[in-house]
Amino acid sequence: MATLVSVCIPSHNGARWLARSINSALAQTYGDIEVLVLDDASTDDSVRIANSFNDSRVRVMVNDVNLGLVRNWNRCITLSKGALTKFLFQDDLLYPGCVERMARIFDADPNVGMVFSPRDIILDNPNDPQALAWKERFGKLYTRFSGLHEVNPGRTLFNDWLKDRFSENWVGEPSCVMLRRSCLDKIGLFNTRMFQIADIEMWARLAYFYDVGFIPEPLSAFTFHSGSTSSLHVKRRFFHLDRLWLVEGLLAYEEIRRNYPQVKDLRVFEAKSGFKRQVGVGGKRGQGSTSILDRPQALTEYLAFRFLEMLRIAPKLHGEYRID
């Protein structure tokens, strides 16, 4: 019996692209899939479009209130039914053989926690200099790993990435990754305190505890456009504490603290560089950016976490999904 794969499409005001995305999921050569569209309280036609598909594999659910990007990812996982989770963003595409080829690696090796592949990049505005620069810089970050095979010891990839301080997303966006859901019972869900790089933190944790599959051909297409949630976070600098939360997410595991004391050093490095950059010492305040001082609640939350951590009563960073 084939393993059920949940293709999870977290959506929010994505009416422009959503039908294309759903169609790419339904066109998979792999038979045993569900397509879960979880709409995050959209104000456009997203829900109507999702409900227009007359296909028993499509399941549409709508949040009563807007949860935000990362919380919606987590709710997708908790509501999905498959043993394997394949994310697909509303403006991205899966190529027909994507699910089948990724699922095959999971079926062959029970130690694999995630599988990823390169992705093609679709520029929403091919003439946008920002988009062209982004594609040039981030198009093939997976080549930074020292060597990739069909199945890789995750700890080897973790070591490579740690040397670069997890500074960039060498694995890629969720649309080019498949997860084994049972692994999340051990490592938890995405960290909802993060705005921009919650996926990097998740991939790093999976790589530490599990083996990682890799397929060298593009199996998906990622759409870059300046109006994306990620781009807006970059412009507004909502992610100023993300790198600290990434480190805290790794240090939440006693095994990582014991085996990799350099991760504690990384926390010190990120604290110094992050606060220096955002508070304005050598930075660029007054140019339309948002700094730590402009969003004191984010800094307060982080400092409160660190205080509770010293008392050994800090809340879990990767716990079960909840609305709070």
C-alpha atoms as a PDB file:
ATOM      1  CA  MET A   1       0.000   0.000   0.000  1.00  0.00           C
ATOM      2  CA  ALA A   2       1.391   3.390  -0.995  1.00  0.00           C
ATOM      3  CA  THR A   3       2.235   5.939   1.674  1.00  0.00           C
ATOM      4  CA  LEU A   4      -0.248   8.807   1.821  1.00  0.00           C
ATOM      5  CA  VAL A   5       1.388  12.145   1.003  1.00  0.00           C
ATOM      6  CA  SER A   6      -0.239  15.385   2.112  1.00  0.00           C
ATOM      7  CA  VAL A   7       0.435  18.247  -0.283  1.00  0.00           C
ATOM      8  CA  CYS A   8      -0.120  21.208   2.033  1.00  0.00           C
ATOM      9  CA  ILE A   9      -0.922  24.580   0.467  1.00  0.00           C
ATOM     10  CA  PRO A  10      -1.004  27.381   3.060  1.00  0.00           C
ATOM     11  CA  SER A  11      -2.766  30.280   1.372  1.00  0.00           C
ATOM     12  CA  HIS A  12      -3.481  33.931   2.067  1.00  0.00           C
ATOM     13  CA  ASN A  13      -4.781  36.329  -0.590  1.00  0.00           C
ATOM     14  CA  GLY A  14      -3.285  34.157  -3.289  1.00  0.00           C
ATOM     15  CA  ALA A  15      -6.174  34.152  -5.746  1.00  0.00           C
ATOM     16  CA  ARG A  16      -3.868  35.204  -8.568  1.00  0.00           C
ATOM     17  CA  TRP A  17      -1.823  31.978  -8.391  1.00  0.00           C
ATOM     18  CA  LEU A  18      -3.784  29.444  -6.351  1.00  0.00           C
ATOM     19  CA  ALA A  19      -5.487  27.538  -9.176  1.00  0.00           C
ATOM     20  CA  ARG A  20      -2.138  27.010 -10.898  1.00  0.00           C
ATOM     21  CA  SER A  21      -0.639  25.682  -7.683  1.00  0.00           C
ATOM     22  CA  ILE A  22      -3.505  23.284  -6.962  1.00  0.00           C
ATOM     23  CA  ASN A  23      -3.477  22.010 -10.539  1.00  0.00           C
ATOM     24  CA  SER A  24       0.224  21.209 -10.252  1.00  0.00           C
ATOM     25  CA  ALA A  25      -0.480  19.173  -7.104  1.00  0.00           C
ATOM     26  CA  LEU A  26      -3.325  17.261  -8.768  1.00  0.00           C
ATOM     27  CA  ALA A  27      -1.112  16.511 -11.785  1.00  0.00           C
ATOM     28  CA  GLN A  28       1.306  14.392  -9.733  1.00  0.00           C
ATOM     29  CA  THR A  29       2.188  10.956 -11.053  1.00  0.00           C
ATOM     30  CA  TYR A  30       1.970   9.637  -7.479  1.00  0.00           C
ATOM     31  CA  GLY A  31      -1.506   8.330  -6.784  1.00  0.00           C
ATOM     32  CA  ASP A  32      -2.005   8.405  -3.024  1.00  0.00           C
ATOM     33  CA  ILE A  33      -2.152  12.109  -2.168  1.00  0.00           C
ATOM     34  CA  GLU A  34      -4.391  14.571  -0.434  1.00  0.00           C
ATOM     35  CA  VAL A  35      -4.246  18.267  -1.284  1.00  0.00           C
ATOM     36  CA  LEU A  36      -4.924  20.331   1.816  1.00  0.00           C
ATOM     37  CA  VAL A  37      -5.560  24.020   1.164  1.00  0.00           C
ATOM     38  CA  LEU A  38      -5.517  25.932   4.455  1.00  0.00           C
ATOM     39  CA  ASP A  39      -6.629  29.501   3.898  1.00  0.00           C
ATOM     40  CA  ASP A  40      -5.467  32.059   6.437  1.00  0.00           C
ATOM     41  CA  ALA A  41      -8.559  34.314   6.474  1.00  0.00           C
ATOM     42  CA  SER A  42      -8.078  35.693   2.962  1.00  0.00           C
ATOM     43  CA  THR A  43      -9.991  38.753   1.809  1.00  0.00           C
ATOM     44  CA  ASP A  44      -9.804  37.895  -1.911  1.00  0.00           C
ATOM     45  CA  ASP A  45     -11.247  35.003  -3.945  1.00  0.00           C
ATOM     46  CA  SER A  46      -8.808  32.372  -2.658  1.00  0.00           C
ATOM     47  CA  VAL A  47     -11.422  30.286  -0.829  1.00  0.00           C
ATOM     48  CA  ARG A  48     -13.840  30.338  -3.767  1.00  0.00           C
ATOM     49  CA  ILE A  49     -11.088  29.233  -6.133  1.00  0.00           C
ATOM     50  CA  ALA A  50      -9.972  26.424  -3.841  1.00  0.00           C
ATOM     51  CA  ASN A  51     -13.556  25.193  -3.442  1.00  0.00           C
ATOM     52  CA  SER A  52     -14.091  25.215  -7.204  1.00  0.00           C
ATOM     53  CA  PHE A  53     -12.034  22.034  -7.649  1.00  0.00           C
ATOM     54  CA  ASN A  54     -14.332  19.041  -8.005  1.00  0.00           C
ATOM     55  CA  ASP A  55     -11.779  16.493  -6.878  1.00  0.00           C
ATOM     56  CA  SER A  56     -12.067  14.217  -3.840  1.00  0.00           C
ATOM     57  CA  ARG A  57      -8.349  14.652  -3.144  1.00  0.00           C
ATOM     58  CA  VAL A  58      -8.773  18.364  -2.414  1.00  0.00           C
ATOM     59  CA  ARG A  59      -9.682  19.398   1.117  1.00  0.00           C
ATOM     60  CA  VAL A  60     -10.210  23.104   1.865  1.00  0.00           C
ATOM     61  CA  MET A  61     -10.139  24.554   5.368  1.00  0.00           C
ATOM     62  CA  VAL A  62     -10.299  28.193   6.447  1.00  0.00           C
ATOM     63  CA  ASN A  63      -8.895  29.794   9.593  1.00  0.00           C
ATOM     64  CA  ASP A  64     -11.394  31.908  11.524  1.00  0.00           C
ATOM     65  CA  VAL A  65      -8.699  34.526  12.112  1.00  0.00           C
ATOM     66  CA  ASN A  66      -5.430  35.316  10.397  1.00  0.00           C
ATOM     67  CA  LEU A  67      -2.698  33.290  12.088  1.00  0.00           C
ATOM     68  CA  GLY A  68       0.262  34.553  10.110  1.00  0.00           C
ATOM     69  CA  LEU A  69       2.712  32.687   7.915  1.00  0.00           C
ATOM     70  CA  VAL A  70       4.507  30.309  10.274  1.00  0.00           C
ATOM     71  CA  ARG A  71       1.498  29.458  12.431  1.00  0.00           C
ATOM     72  CA  ASN A  72      -0.394  28.553   9.281  1.00  0.00           C
ATOM     73  CA  TRP A  73       2.429  26.214   8.245  1.00  0.00           C
ATOM     74  CA  ASN A  74       2.130  24.458  11.593  1.00  0.00           C
ATOM     75  CA  ARG A  75      -1.630  24.152  11.354  1.00  0.00           C
ATOM     76  CA  CYS A  76      -1.235  22.615   7.896  1.00  0.00           C
ATOM     77  CA  ILE A  77       0.904  19.897   9.456  1.00  0.00           C
ATOM     78  CA  THR A  78      -1.466  19.193  12.325  1.00  0.00           C
ATOM     79  CA  LEU A  79      -4.523  19.030  10.048  1.00  0.00           C
ATOM     80  CA  SER A  80      -2.889  16.885   7.354  1.00  0.00           C
ATOM     81  CA  LYS A  81      -3.434  13.123   7.247  1.00  0.00           C
ATOM     82  CA  GLY A  82      -0.389  11.858   5.367  1.00  0.00           C
ATOM     83  CA  ALA A  83       2.723  10.196   6.759  1.00  0.00           C
ATOM     84  CA  LEU A  84       4.700  12.464   4.437  1.00  0.00           C
ATOM     85  CA  THR A  85       4.195  16.225   4.196  1.00  0.00           C
ATOM     86  CA  LYS A  86       4.926  18.080   0.966  1.00  0.00           C
ATOM     87  CA  PHE A  87       4.535  21.834   1.265  1.00  0.00           C
ATOM     88  CA  LEU A  88       3.514  23.820  -1.790  1.00  0.00           C
ATOM     89  CA  PHE A  89       3.194  27.569  -1.525  1.00  0.00           C
ATOM     90  CA  GLN A  90       0.261  29.219  -3.259  1.00  0.00           C
ATOM     91  CA  ASP A  91       2.435  30.863  -5.913  1.00  0.00           C
ATOM     92  CA  ASP A  92       4.770  27.905  -6.520  1.00  0.00           C
ATOM     93  CA  LEU A  93       4.526  24.793  -8.703  1.00  0.00           C
ATOM     94  CA  LEU A  94       5.301  21.105  -8.375  1.00  0.00           C
ATOM     95  CA  TYR A  95       6.475  19.257 -11.457  1.00  0.00           C
ATOM     96  CA  PRO A  96       4.504  16.044 -12.146  1.00  0.00           C
ATOM     97  CA  GLY A  97       7.099  13.584 -10.818  1.00  0.00           C
ATOM     98  CA  CYS A  98       7.996  15.528  -7.678  1.00  0.00           C
ATOM     99  CA  VAL A  99       5.973  13.641  -5.072  1.00  0.00           C
ATOM    100  CA  GLU A 100       6.670  10.211  -6.556  1.00  0.00           C
ATOM    101  CA  ARG A 101      10.422  10.667  -6.696  1.00  0.00           C
ATOM    102  CA  MET A 102      10.696  12.137  -3.203  1.00  0.00           C
ATOM    103  CA  ALA A 103       8.393   9.534  -1.622  1.00  0.00           C
ATOM    104  CA  ARG A 104      10.499   6.753  -3.151  1.00  0.00           C
ATOM    105  CA  ILE A 105      13.528   7.818  -1.081  1.00  0.00           C
ATOM    106  CA  PHE A 106      11.500   7.820   2.144  1.00  0.00           C
ATOM    107  CA  ASP A 107      10.118   4.359   1.389  1.00  0.00           C
ATOM    108  CA  ALA A 108      13.604   2.989   0.747  1.00  0.00           C
ATOM    109  CA  ASP A 109      15.257   4.410   3.875  1.00  0.00           C
ATOM    110  CA  PRO A 110      13.430   4.799   7.204  1.00  0.00           C
ATOM    111  CA  ASN A 111      16.229   6.990   8.586  1.00  0.00           C
ATOM    112  CA  VAL A 112      15.512   9.802   6.103  1.00  0.00           C
ATOM    113  CA  GLY A 113      13.735  12.737   7.737  1.00  0.00           C
ATOM    114  CA  MET A 114      13.510  15.065   4.754  1.00  0.00           C
ATOM    115  CA  VAL A 115      14.160  15.096   1.024  1.00  0.00           C
ATOM    116  CA  PHE A 116      14.908  18.175  -1.033  1.00  0.00           C
ATOM    117  CA  SER A 117      15.842  19.102  -4.560  1.00  0.00           C
ATOM    118  CA  PRO A 118      16.852  22.216  -6.494  1.00  0.00           C
ATOM    119  CA  ARG A 119      14.037  24.400  -7.789  1.00  0.00           C
ATOM    120  CA  ASP A 120      13.570  26.536 -10.828  1.00  0.00           C
ATOM    121  CA  ILE A 121      12.913  30.207 -10.150  1.00  0.00           C
ATOM    122  CA  ILE A 122      10.064  32.096 -11.783  1.00  0.00           C
ATOM    123  CA  LEU A 123      10.480  35.857 -11.642  1.00  0.00           C
ATOM    124  CA  ASP A 124       7.121  37.571 -11.334  1.00  0.00           C
ATOM    125  CA  ASN A 125       8.758  40.614 -12.902  1.00  0.00           C
ATOM    126  CA  PRO A 126      11.753  39.477 -15.008  1.00  0.00           C
ATOM    127  CA  ASN A 127      12.818  43.093 -15.513  1.00  0.00           C
ATOM    128  CA  ASP A 128      13.010  43.875 -11.798  1.00  0.00           C
ATOM    129  CA  PRO A 129      16.694  44.386 -10.832  1.00  0.00           C
ATOM    130  CA  GLN A 130      15.940  43.191  -7.287  1.00  0.00           C
ATOM    131  CA  ALA A 131      14.466  39.959  -8.614  1.00  0.00           C
ATOM    132  CA  LEU A 132      17.377  39.351 -10.977  1.00  0.00           C
ATOM    133  CA  ALA A 133      19.870  39.950  -8.184  1.00  0.00           C
ATOM    134  CA  TRP A 134      17.972  37.594  -5.885  1.00  0.00           C
ATOM    135  CA  LYS A 135      17.990  34.827  -8.487  1.00  0.00           C
ATOM    136  CA  GLU A 136      21.703  35.241  -9.101  1.00  0.00           C
ATOM    137  CA  ARG A 137      22.544  35.119  -5.397  1.00  0.00           C
ATOM    138  CA  PHE A 138      20.150  32.466  -4.119  1.00  0.00           C
ATOM    139  CA  GLY A 139      19.460  30.295  -7.144  1.00  0.00           C
ATOM    140  CA  LYS A 140      21.849  27.418  -6.319  1.00  0.00           C
ATOM    141  CA  LEU A 141      22.762  27.622  -2.652  1.00  0.00           C
ATOM    142  CA  TYR A 142      22.568  23.819  -2.326  1.00  0.00           C
ATOM    143  CA  THR A 143      25.977  23.678  -4.040  1.00  0.00           C
ATOM    144  CA  ARG A 144      27.497  25.050  -0.808  1.00  0.00           C
ATOM    145  CA  PHE A 145      27.214  21.612   0.774  1.00  0.00           C
ATOM    146  CA  SER A 146      30.497  19.732   0.397  1.00  0.00           C
ATOM    147  CA  GLY A 147      28.846  16.907  -1.537  1.00  0.00           C
ATOM    148  CA  LEU A 148      25.325  15.618  -1.968  1.00  0.00           C
ATOM    149  CA  HIS A 149      24.163  12.074  -2.688  1.00  0.00           C
ATOM    150  CA  GLU A 150      20.749  10.460  -2.880  1.00  0.00           C
ATOM    151  CA  VAL A 151      20.932   9.824   0.891  1.00  0.00           C
ATOM    152  CA  ASN A 152      23.263  11.889   3.062  1.00  0.00           C
ATOM    153  CA  PRO A 153      24.212  11.620   6.735  1.00  0.00           C
ATOM    154  CA  GLY A 154      22.314  14.588   8.119  1.00  0.00           C
ATOM    155  CA  ARG A 155      25.020  15.375  10.645  1.00  0.00           C
ATOM    156  CA  THR A 156      27.500  15.921   7.793  1.00  0.00           C
ATOM    157  CA  LEU A 157      25.217  18.523   6.218  1.00  0.00           C
ATOM    158  CA  PHE A 158      24.648  20.094   9.640  1.00  0.00           C
ATOM    159  CA  ASN A 159      28.419  20.429  10.138  1.00  0.00           C
ATOM    160  CA  ASP A 160      28.890  22.073   6.729  1.00  0.00           C
ATOM    161  CA  TRP A 161      26.066  24.508   7.382  1.00  0.00           C
ATOM    162  CA  LEU A 162      27.174  25.353  10.909  1.00  0.00           C
ATOM    163  CA  LYS A 163      30.569  26.477   9.611  1.00  0.00           C
ATOM    164  CA  ASP A 164      28.685  29.129   7.629  1.00  0.00           C
ATOM    165  CA  ARG A 165      26.576  30.010  10.717  1.00  0.00           C
ATOM    166  CA  PHE A 166      23.421  28.929   8.864  1.00  0.00           C
ATOM    167  CA  SER A 167      23.653  32.312   7.198  1.00  0.00           C
ATOM    168  CA  GLU A 168      21.643  31.330   4.098  1.00  0.00           C
ATOM    169  CA  ASN A 169      19.061  28.730   3.129  1.00  0.00           C
ATOM    170  CA  TRP A 170      21.186  26.033   1.527  1.00  0.00           C
ATOM    171  CA  VAL A 171      18.220  23.608   1.379  1.00  0.00           C
ATOM    172  CA  GLY A 172      15.596  25.934  -0.061  1.00  0.00           C
ATOM    173  CA  GLU A 173      12.044  27.045   0.550  1.00  0.00           C
ATOM    174  CA  PRO A 174       9.362  24.613   1.819  1.00  0.00           C
ATOM    175  CA  SER A 175       8.012  24.037  -1.710  1.00  0.00           C
ATOM    176  CA  CYS A 176      11.159  22.077  -2.609  1.00  0.00           C
ATOM    177  CA  VAL A 177      11.193  19.934   0.563  1.00  0.00           C
ATOM    178  CA  MET A 178       9.255  16.868   1.746  1.00  0.00           C
ATOM    179  CA  LEU A 179       9.139  15.874   5.440  1.00  0.00           C
ATOM    180  CA  ARG A 180       8.480  12.637   7.268  1.00  0.00           C
ATOM    181  CA  ARG A 181       5.784  13.692   9.689  1.00  0.00           C
ATOM    182  CA  SER A 182       6.734  11.215  12.431  1.00  0.00           C
ATOM    183  CA  CYS A 183      10.094  12.985  12.756  1.00  0.00           C
ATOM    184  CA  LEU A 184       8.246  16.074  13.942  1.00  0.00           C
ATOM    185  CA  ASP A 185       7.023  14.117  16.945  1.00  0.00           C
ATOM    186  CA  LYS A 186      10.637  14.259  18.128  1.00  0.00           C
ATOM    187  CA  ILE A 187      11.844  17.664  16.970  1.00  0.00           C
ATOM    188  CA  GLY A 188       8.593  19.650  17.033  1.00  0.00           C
ATOM    189  CA  LEU A 189       7.035  22.094  14.594  1.00  0.00           C
ATOM    190  CA  PHE A 190       8.208  25.392  13.113  1.00  0.00           C
ATOM    191  CA  ASN A 191       9.184  28.099  15.603  1.00  0.00           C
ATOM    192  CA  THR A 192       6.367  30.649  15.503  1.00  0.00           C
ATOM    193  CA  ARG A 193       8.528  33.366  17.048  1.00  0.00           C
ATOM    194  CA  MET A 194      10.329  33.664  13.726  1.00  0.00           C
ATOM    195  CA  PHE A 195       9.281  35.777  10.746  1.00  0.00           C
ATOM    196  CA  GLN A 196      11.728  35.045   7.963  1.00  0.00           C
ATOM    197  CA  ILE A 197      13.885  31.951   8.417  1.00  0.00           C
ATOM    198  CA  ALA A 198      11.737  29.457  10.307  1.00  0.00           C
ATOM    199  CA  ASP A 199      12.334  26.996   7.471  1.00  0.00           C
ATOM    200  CA  ILE A 200      16.139  27.183   7.854  1.00  0.00           C
ATOM    201  CA  GLU A 201      15.816  26.388  11.539  1.00  0.00           C
ATOM    202  CA  MET A 202      13.545  23.417  10.810  1.00  0.00           C
ATOM    203  CA  TRP A 203      15.856  22.032   8.112  1.00  0.00           C
ATOM    204  CA  ALA A 204      18.862  22.351  10.450  1.00  0.00           C
ATOM    205  CA  ARG A 205      17.079  20.414  13.186  1.00  0.00           C
ATOM    206  CA  LEU A 206      15.984  17.691  10.776  1.00  0.00           C
ATOM    207  CA  ALA A 207      19.526  17.401   9.421  1.00  0.00           C
ATOM    208  CA  TYR A 208      20.951  17.035  12.908  1.00  0.00           C
ATOM    209  CA  PHE A 209      18.685  14.167  13.928  1.00  0.00           C
ATOM    210  CA  TYR A 210      17.985  12.385  10.610  1.00  0.00           C
ATOM    211  CA  ASP A 211      19.465  11.541   7.241  1.00  0.00           C
ATOM    212  CA  VAL A 212      18.636  13.787   4.298  1.00  0.00           C
ATOM    213  CA  GLY A 213      17.643  12.760   0.801  1.00  0.00           C
ATOM    214  CA  PHE A 214      18.574  14.793  -2.267  1.00  0.00           C
ATOM    215  CA  ILE A 215      17.444  14.650  -5.897  1.00  0.00           C
ATOM    216  CA  PRO A 216      19.714  16.691  -8.204  1.00  0.00           C
ATOM    217  CA  GLU A 217      17.056  17.776 -10.735  1.00  0.00           C
ATOM    218  CA  PRO A 218      14.561  20.601 -10.162  1.00  0.00           C
ATOM    219  CA  LEU A 219      11.205  19.159  -9.122  1.00  0.00           C
ATOM    220  CA  SER A 220       9.434  22.425  -8.336  1.00  0.00           C
ATOM    221  CA  ALA A 221       9.372  26.083  -9.297  1.00  0.00           C
ATOM    222  CA  PHE A 222       9.620  28.914  -6.794  1.00  0.00           C
ATOM    223  CA  THR A 223       8.068  32.256  -7.671  1.00  0.00           C
ATOM    224  CA  PHE A 224       9.907  35.372  -6.568  1.00  0.00           C
ATOM    225  CA  HIS A 225       7.959  38.590  -6.489  1.00  0.00           C
ATOM    226  CA  SER A 226       8.503  41.785  -4.537  1.00  0.00           C
ATOM    227  CA  GLY A 227       5.057  41.615  -2.941  1.00  0.00           C
ATOM    228  CA  SER A 228       5.673  38.311  -1.152  1.00  0.00           C
ATOM    229  CA  THR A 229       5.407  38.014   2.621  1.00  0.00           C
ATOM    230  CA  SER A 230       9.129  37.315   2.820  1.00  0.00           C
ATOM    231  CA  SER A 231       9.971  40.418   0.811  1.00  0.00           C
ATOM    232  CA  LEU A 232       7.742  42.549   2.998  1.00  0.00           C
ATOM    233  CA  HIS A 233       9.432  41.210   6.107  1.00  0.00           C
ATOM    234  CA  VAL A 234      12.824  42.055   4.638  1.00  0.00           C
ATOM    235  CA  LYS A 235      11.761  45.583   3.781  1.00  0.00           C
ATOM    236  CA  ARG A 236      10.235  46.171   7.205  1.00  0.00           C
ATOM    237  CA  ARG A 237      13.005  44.284   9.025  1.00  0.00           C
ATOM    238  CA  PHE A 238      10.509  42.297  11.097  1.00  0.00           C
ATOM    239  CA  PHE A 239      13.047  39.487  11.241  1.00  0.00           C
ATOM    240  CA  HIS A 240      15.678  41.292  13.311  1.00  0.00           C
ATOM    241  CA  LEU A 241      15.695  38.604  16.047  1.00  0.00           C
ATOM    242  CA  ASP A 242      15.224  35.596  13.761  1.00  0.00           C
ATOM    243  CA  ARG A 243      18.855  34.591  13.819  1.00  0.00           C
ATOM    244  CA  LEU A 244      18.891  34.590  17.606  1.00  0.00           C
ATOM    245  CA  TRP A 245      15.737  32.485  17.666  1.00  0.00           C
ATOM    246  CA  LEU A 246      17.381  30.084  15.201  1.00  0.00           C
ATOM    247  CA  VAL A 247      20.260  29.541  17.591  1.00  0.00           C
ATOM    248  CA  GLU A 248      17.904  29.194  20.552  1.00  0.00           C
ATOM    249  CA  GLY A 249      15.984  26.589  18.583  1.00  0.00           C
ATOM    250  CA  LEU A 250      19.126  24.485  18.202  1.00  0.00           C
ATOM    251  CA  LEU A 251      20.168  24.968  21.813  1.00  0.00           C
ATOM    252  CA  ALA A 252      16.765  23.684  22.923  1.00  0.00           C
ATOM    253  CA  TYR A 253      18.195  20.168  22.466  1.00  0.00           C
ATOM    254  CA  GLU A 254      20.546  18.909  25.158  1.00  0.00           C
ATOM    255  CA  GLU A 255      22.373  16.723  22.644  1.00  0.00           C
ATOM    256  CA  ILE A 256      23.250  19.718  20.468  1.00  0.00           C
ATOM    257  CA  ARG A 257      24.341  21.749  23.491  1.00  0.00           C
ATOM    258  CA  ARG A 258      26.611  18.896  24.573  1.00  0.00           C
ATOM    259  CA  ASN A 259      28.099  17.990  21.189  1.00  0.00           C
ATOM    260  CA  TYR A 260      28.310  21.465  19.667  1.00  0.00           C
ATOM    261  CA  PRO A 261      29.443  24.052  22.217  1.00  0.00           C
ATOM    262  CA  GLN A 262      30.210  26.353  19.281  1.00  0.00           C
ATOM    263  CA  VAL A 263      26.458  26.893  18.899  1.00  0.00           C
ATOM    264  CA  LYS A 264      26.578  28.819  22.188  1.00  0.00           C
ATOM    265  CA  ASP A 265      29.368  30.916  20.697  1.00  0.00           C
ATOM    266  CA  LEU A 266      27.129  31.494  17.697  1.00  0.00           C
ATOM    267  CA  ARG A 267      24.456  32.902  20.023  1.00  0.00           C
ATOM    268  CA  VAL A 268      26.938  35.460  21.319  1.00  0.00           C
ATOM    269  CA  PHE A 269      27.992  36.346  17.778  1.00  0.00           C
ATOM    270  CA  GLU A 270      24.425  36.773  16.573  1.00  0.00           C
ATOM    271  CA  ALA A 271      23.465  38.825  19.611  1.00  0.00           C
ATOM    272  CA  LYS A 272      26.343  41.241  19.104  1.00  0.00           C
ATOM    273  CA  SER A 273      25.972  41.603  15.355  1.00  0.00           C
ATOM    274  CA  GLY A 274      22.178  41.701  15.404  1.00  0.00           C
ATOM    275  CA  PHE A 275      21.822  44.312  18.098  1.00  0.00           C
ATOM    276  CA  LYS A 276      24.590  46.415  16.612  1.00  0.00           C
ATOM    277  CA  ARG A 277      22.965  46.363  13.191  1.00  0.00           C
ATOM    278  CA  GLN A 278      19.413  46.999  14.335  1.00  0.00           C
ATOM    279  CA  VAL A 279      20.000  49.562  17.047  1.00  0.00           C
ATOM    280  CA  GLY A 280      21.995  51.616  14.594  1.00  0.00           C
ATOM    281  CA  VAL A 281      25.659  51.316  15.587  1.00  0.00           C
ATOM    282  CA  GLY A 282      27.090  51.255  12.107  1.00  0.00           C
ATOM    283  CA  GLY A 283      23.599  50.575  10.794  1.00  0.00           C
ATOM    284  CA  LYS A 284      21.069  52.528   8.757  1.00  0.00           C
ATOM    285  CA  ARG A 285      18.395  53.921  11.009  1.00  0.00           C
ATOM    286  CA  GLY A 286      16.081  56.515   9.560  1.00  0.00           C
ATOM    287  CA  GLN A 287      15.896  54.961   6.101  1.00  0.00           C
ATOM    288  CA  GLY A 288      12.472  53.407   6.293  1.00  0.00           C
ATOM    289  CA  SER A 289      13.626  50.319   8.197  1.00  0.00           C
ATOM    290  CA  THR A 290      12.197  48.978  11.434  1.00  0.00           C
ATOM    291  CA  SER A 291      14.640  48.296  14.255  1.00  0.00           C
ATOM    292  CA  ILE A 292      14.535  46.545  17.585  1.00  0.00           C
ATOM    293  CA  LEU A 293      13.867  49.866  19.256  1.00  0.00           C
ATOM    294  CA  ASP A 294      10.810  50.369  17.029  1.00  0.00           C
ATOM    295  CA  ARG A 295       9.376  46.976  18.012  1.00  0.00           C
ATOM    296  CA  PRO A 296      10.257  46.679  21.718  1.00  0.00           C
ATOM    297  CA  GLN A 297       7.768  43.842  22.292  1.00  0.00           C
ATOM    298  CA  ALA A 298       9.920  41.517  20.172  1.00  0.00           C
ATOM    299  CA  LEU A 299      13.001  42.324  22.218  1.00  0.00           C
ATOM    300  CA  THR A 300      11.016  41.982  25.450  1.00  0.00           C
ATOM    301  CA  GLU A 301       9.806  38.538  24.395  1.00  0.00           C
ATOM    302  CA  TYR A 302      13.326  37.374  23.638  1.00  0.00           C
ATOM    303  CA  LEU A 303      14.796  38.722  26.881  1.00  0.00           C
ATOM    304  CA  ALA A 304      11.935  37.155  28.857  1.00  0.00           C
ATOM    305  CA  PHE A 305      12.670  33.821  27.195  1.00  0.00           C
ATOM    306  CA  ARG A 306      16.358  34.047  28.095  1.00  0.00           C
ATOM    307  CA  PHE A 307      15.511  34.888  31.710  1.00  0.00           C
ATOM    308  CA  LEU A 308      13.120  31.942  31.986  1.00  0.00           C
ATOM    309  CA  GLU A 309      15.706  29.740  30.308  1.00  0.00           C
ATOM    310  CA  MET A 310      18.230  30.578  33.006  1.00  0.00           C
ATOM    311  CA  LEU A 311      15.590  29.535  35.548  1.00  0.00           C
ATOM    312  CA  ARG A 312      15.026  26.367  33.489  1.00  0.00           C
ATOM    313  CA  ILE A 313      11.331  27.105  33.052  1.00  0.00           C
ATOM    314  CA  ALA A 314      11.395  28.545  29.525  1.00  0.00           C
ATOM    315  CA  PRO A 315       8.477  27.559  27.243  1.00  0.00           C
ATOM    316  CA  LYS A 316       9.146  25.054  24.467  1.00  0.00           C
ATOM    317  CA  LEU A 317      10.038  26.644  21.150  1.00  0.00           C
ATOM    318  CA  HIS A 318       8.724  23.845  18.933  1.00  0.00           C
ATOM    319  CA  GLY A 319       5.682  22.584  20.787  1.00  0.00           C
ATOM    320  CA  GLU A 320       2.338  21.441  19.476  1.00  0.00           C
ATOM    321  CA  TYR A 321       0.243  23.850  17.467  1.00  0.00           C
ATOM    322  CA  ARG A 322      -1.904  26.252  19.443  1.00  0.00           C
ATOM    323  CA  ILE A 323      -3.485  29.692  18.937  1.00  0.00           C
ATOM    324  CA  ASP A 324      -2.159  32.201  21.420  1.00  0.00           C
END
